[in-house]
Structures are given as C-alpha cells and as structure tokens.
Amino acid sequence: MKTYGQRPRKFPRWIFIAFAVAILAILSFVGLWQFVAPTERHVVVAFSDFVAEVHAGQVDEIKIRDREITFRTHDANGRTVTKETVGPAPDQALVASLKPDDPDKPLPKIYFEK
C-alpha cells in the first residue's frame, strides 16, 4: 500500500552499471575480433573450376599438399582471393598442365608442402 509522502522506489544503480559494463565488454570483443580475425577467406571450389582458372591465367600462386590444393586468384578488379580444392595425386603431368593457355600470361608459382 502506498502512503502519501513516501518516495517511489528507485531502480538500483548497480543494474544500470552492470548493463553498461556488459555492453562495453561485448563491443570491445567485437572490435578486437575485427583485428584478430583472419582477413583472407578461403573459398572451396571444384577441381574443374581450379583448372579453368589456371588456363584463363587468373591464378598467381598454387600450394599443393598431398591432394589438397590452395591457390590465389585475382579478378578483373585486382582483388586477391584464396581458394581451395581437392584434386588427384600430384604428378608431373598435372604440374605440367598448370599453365595458362595464353603464353603471354605469367605462369603461376607452384609450391609443394609436406
């Protein structure tokens, strides 16, 4: 029951402070994550798409580890994208085929990893 002259109950300040600290912690984490998170995204593509991009001269670098192939491409805007695929076991014939159809385009750098 409310009597006259009595003050209304105030909401405790510590709840506001705890809420503000929680919001600041979340914002700090998200801001920090932007700097820590990897900027390069890996896109998974089919092996046939990989071969088509190599023949089109869009691949700059190829890293082969067993059957896993990671490669960097560039698009018409000059952006670099890292892509991944799984192909056959690497042999001399595969490596020899990894070159652009246009002889004026540069050959991709090929690295073998263990």
C-alpha atoms as a PDB file:
ATOM      1  CA  MET A   1       0.000   0.000   0.000  1.00  0.00           C
ATOM      2  CA  LYS A   2       1.280   3.425  -0.878  1.00  0.00           C
ATOM      3  CA  THR A   3       1.096   6.177   1.630  1.00  0.00           C
ATOM      4  CA  TYR A   4       1.380   9.865   0.903  1.00  0.00           C
ATOM      5  CA  GLY A   5       4.791  11.430   1.355  1.00  0.00           C
ATOM      6  CA  GLN A   6       6.631   8.227   0.570  1.00  0.00           C
ATOM      7  CA  ARG A   7       9.175   8.316  -2.257  1.00  0.00           C
ATOM      8  CA  PRO A   8       8.760   5.893  -5.119  1.00  0.00           C
ATOM      9  CA  ARG A   9      11.364   3.096  -5.145  1.00  0.00           C
ATOM     10  CA  LYS A  10      14.269   3.788  -7.441  1.00  0.00           C
ATOM     11  CA  PHE A  11      15.731   1.210  -9.728  1.00  0.00           C
ATOM     12  CA  PRO A  12      19.080   0.084  -8.296  1.00  0.00           C
ATOM     13  CA  ARG A  13      22.061   1.815  -9.929  1.00  0.00           C
ATOM     14  CA  TRP A  14      24.173  -1.309  -9.894  1.00  0.00           C
ATOM     15  CA  ILE A  15      21.870  -2.869 -12.512  1.00  0.00           C
ATOM     16  CA  PHE A  16      22.485   0.054 -14.876  1.00  0.00           C
ATOM     17  CA  ILE A  17      26.230  -0.141 -14.249  1.00  0.00           C
ATOM     18  CA  ALA A  18      26.302  -3.915 -14.822  1.00  0.00           C
ATOM     19  CA  PHE A  19      24.308  -3.496 -18.035  1.00  0.00           C
ATOM     20  CA  ALA A  20      26.662  -0.749 -19.285  1.00  0.00           C
ATOM     21  CA  VAL A  21      29.749  -2.842 -18.465  1.00  0.00           C
ATOM     22  CA  ALA A  22      28.267  -5.831 -20.301  1.00  0.00           C
ATOM     23  CA  ILE A  23      27.526  -3.722 -23.394  1.00  0.00           C
ATOM     24  CA  LEU A  24      31.046  -2.249 -23.345  1.00  0.00           C
ATOM     25  CA  ALA A  25      32.569  -5.726 -22.994  1.00  0.00           C
ATOM     26  CA  ILE A  26      30.590  -7.020 -25.972  1.00  0.00           C
ATOM     27  CA  LEU A  27      31.513  -4.015 -28.122  1.00  0.00           C
ATOM     28  CA  SER A  28      35.174  -4.347 -27.127  1.00  0.00           C
ATOM     29  CA  PHE A  29      35.174  -8.036 -28.029  1.00  0.00           C
ATOM     30  CA  VAL A  30      33.594  -7.386 -31.423  1.00  0.00           C
ATOM     31  CA  GLY A  31      36.028  -4.542 -32.119  1.00  0.00           C
ATOM     32  CA  LEU A  32      39.012  -6.642 -31.110  1.00  0.00           C
ATOM     33  CA  TRP A  33      37.772  -9.568 -33.201  1.00  0.00           C
ATOM     34  CA  GLN A  34      37.928  -7.378 -36.314  1.00  0.00           C
ATOM     35  CA  PHE A  35      41.701  -7.060 -35.844  1.00  0.00           C
ATOM     36  CA  VAL A  36      42.366 -10.651 -34.768  1.00  0.00           C
ATOM     37  CA  ALA A  37      40.148 -12.492 -37.256  1.00  0.00           C
ATOM     38  CA  PRO A  38      41.797 -13.579 -40.494  1.00  0.00           C
ATOM     39  CA  THR A  39      41.153 -11.150 -43.311  1.00  0.00           C
ATOM     40  CA  GLU A  40      41.550 -13.773 -46.010  1.00  0.00           C
ATOM     41  CA  ARG A  41      38.613 -16.010 -46.578  1.00  0.00           C
ATOM     42  CA  HIS A  42      39.073 -19.398 -48.209  1.00  0.00           C
ATOM     43  CA  VAL A  43      36.554 -20.328 -50.863  1.00  0.00           C
ATOM     44  CA  VAL A  44      36.112 -24.022 -51.696  1.00  0.00           C
ATOM     45  CA  VAL A  45      35.726 -24.721 -55.419  1.00  0.00           C
ATOM     46  CA  ALA A  46      35.559 -27.764 -57.685  1.00  0.00           C
ATOM     47  CA  PHE A  47      38.792 -29.055 -59.189  1.00  0.00           C
ATOM     48  CA  SER A  48      37.478 -28.338 -62.697  1.00  0.00           C
ATOM     49  CA  ASP A  49      36.937 -24.671 -61.725  1.00  0.00           C
ATOM     50  CA  PHE A  50      40.533 -24.551 -60.460  1.00  0.00           C
ATOM     51  CA  VAL A  51      41.854 -25.921 -63.764  1.00  0.00           C
ATOM     52  CA  ALA A  52      39.690 -23.449 -65.724  1.00  0.00           C
ATOM     53  CA  GLU A  53      41.052 -20.516 -63.704  1.00  0.00           C
ATOM     54  CA  VAL A  54      44.636 -21.693 -64.246  1.00  0.00           C
ATOM     55  CA  HIS A  55      44.068 -21.952 -68.002  1.00  0.00           C
ATOM     56  CA  ALA A  56      42.452 -18.492 -68.008  1.00  0.00           C
ATOM     57  CA  GLY A  57      45.607 -17.067 -66.406  1.00  0.00           C
ATOM     58  CA  GLN A  58      43.885 -15.888 -63.222  1.00  0.00           C
ATOM     59  CA  VAL A  59      45.942 -17.939 -60.753  1.00  0.00           C
ATOM     60  CA  ASP A  60      49.016 -16.311 -59.198  1.00  0.00           C
ATOM     61  CA  GLU A  61      50.151 -18.977 -56.745  1.00  0.00           C
ATOM     62  CA  ILE A  62      49.448 -22.670 -56.154  1.00  0.00           C
ATOM     63  CA  LYS A  63      50.283 -24.640 -52.993  1.00  0.00           C
ATOM     64  CA  ILE A  64      49.940 -28.415 -53.219  1.00  0.00           C
ATOM     65  CA  ARG A  65      49.833 -30.599 -50.127  1.00  0.00           C
ATOM     66  CA  ASP A  66      49.000 -34.232 -50.905  1.00  0.00           C
ATOM     67  CA  ARG A  67      45.671 -33.908 -52.743  1.00  0.00           C
ATOM     68  CA  GLU A  68      44.736 -30.537 -51.177  1.00  0.00           C
ATOM     69  CA  ILE A  69      45.373 -27.531 -53.395  1.00  0.00           C
ATOM     70  CA  THR A  70      45.264 -23.941 -52.128  1.00  0.00           C
ATOM     71  CA  PHE A  71      45.579 -21.198 -54.720  1.00  0.00           C
ATOM     72  CA  ARG A  72      45.361 -17.428 -55.031  1.00  0.00           C
ATOM     73  CA  THR A  73      43.450 -15.798 -57.846  1.00  0.00           C
ATOM     74  CA  HIS A  74      42.857 -12.248 -58.936  1.00  0.00           C
ATOM     75  CA  ASP A  75      39.759 -10.872 -60.562  1.00  0.00           C
ATOM     76  CA  ALA A  76      39.223  -8.040 -63.044  1.00  0.00           C
ATOM     77  CA  ASN A  77      39.182  -5.509 -60.179  1.00  0.00           C
ATOM     78  CA  GLY A  78      42.579  -6.690 -58.914  1.00  0.00           C
ATOM     79  CA  ARG A  79      41.202  -8.266 -55.727  1.00  0.00           C
ATOM     80  CA  THR A  80      43.010 -11.359 -54.469  1.00  0.00           C
ATOM     81  CA  VAL A  81      41.002 -14.359 -53.279  1.00  0.00           C
ATOM     82  CA  THR A  82      42.373 -17.547 -51.719  1.00  0.00           C
ATOM     83  CA  LYS A  83      40.579 -20.689 -52.850  1.00  0.00           C
ATOM     84  CA  GLU A  84      40.847 -24.376 -52.023  1.00  0.00           C
ATOM     85  CA  THR A  85      40.114 -27.596 -53.876  1.00  0.00           C
ATOM     86  CA  VAL A  86      40.911 -31.289 -53.764  1.00  0.00           C
ATOM     87  CA  GLY A  87      42.390 -32.905 -56.817  1.00  0.00           C
ATOM     88  CA  PRO A  88      44.174 -36.045 -57.920  1.00  0.00           C
ATOM     89  CA  ALA A  89      47.541 -37.023 -56.506  1.00  0.00           C
ATOM     90  CA  PRO A  90      50.085 -34.604 -57.947  1.00  0.00           C
ATOM     91  CA  ASP A  91      52.383 -35.944 -60.649  1.00  0.00           C
ATOM     92  CA  GLN A  92      54.491 -34.475 -63.442  1.00  0.00           C
ATOM     93  CA  ALA A  93      51.585 -34.453 -65.903  1.00  0.00           C
ATOM     94  CA  LEU A  94      49.381 -32.450 -63.514  1.00  0.00           C
ATOM     95  CA  VAL A  95      52.119 -29.935 -62.770  1.00  0.00           C
ATOM     96  CA  ALA A  96      52.926 -29.554 -66.477  1.00  0.00           C
ATOM     97  CA  SER A  97      49.255 -28.824 -67.234  1.00  0.00           C
ATOM     98  CA  LEU A  98      49.025 -25.991 -64.681  1.00  0.00           C
ATOM     99  CA  LYS A  99      49.776 -23.122 -67.026  1.00  0.00           C
ATOM    100  CA  PRO A 100      47.667 -20.505 -68.823  1.00  0.00           C
ATOM    101  CA  ASP A 101      46.508 -21.108 -72.377  1.00  0.00           C
ATOM    102  CA  ASP A 102      47.745 -17.627 -73.349  1.00  0.00           C
ATOM    103  CA  PRO A 103      51.569 -17.742 -73.475  1.00  0.00           C
ATOM    104  CA  ASP A 104      51.733 -14.012 -72.701  1.00  0.00           C
ATOM    105  CA  LYS A 105      50.201 -14.500 -69.239  1.00  0.00           C
ATOM    106  CA  PRO A 106      52.595 -15.228 -66.365  1.00  0.00           C
ATOM    107  CA  LEU A 107      52.939 -18.772 -65.045  1.00  0.00           C
ATOM    108  CA  PRO A 108      51.618 -19.378 -61.532  1.00  0.00           C
ATOM    109  CA  LYS A 109      54.177 -20.100 -58.820  1.00  0.00           C
ATOM    110  CA  ILE A 110      53.797 -23.690 -57.641  1.00  0.00           C
ATOM    111  CA  TYR A 111      54.840 -24.801 -54.141  1.00  0.00           C
ATOM    112  CA  PHE A 112      54.798 -28.298 -52.712  1.00  0.00           C
ATOM    113  CA  GLU A 113      54.200 -28.607 -48.966  1.00  0.00           C
ATOM    114  CA  LYS A 114      54.726 -31.602 -46.709  1.00  0.00           C
END
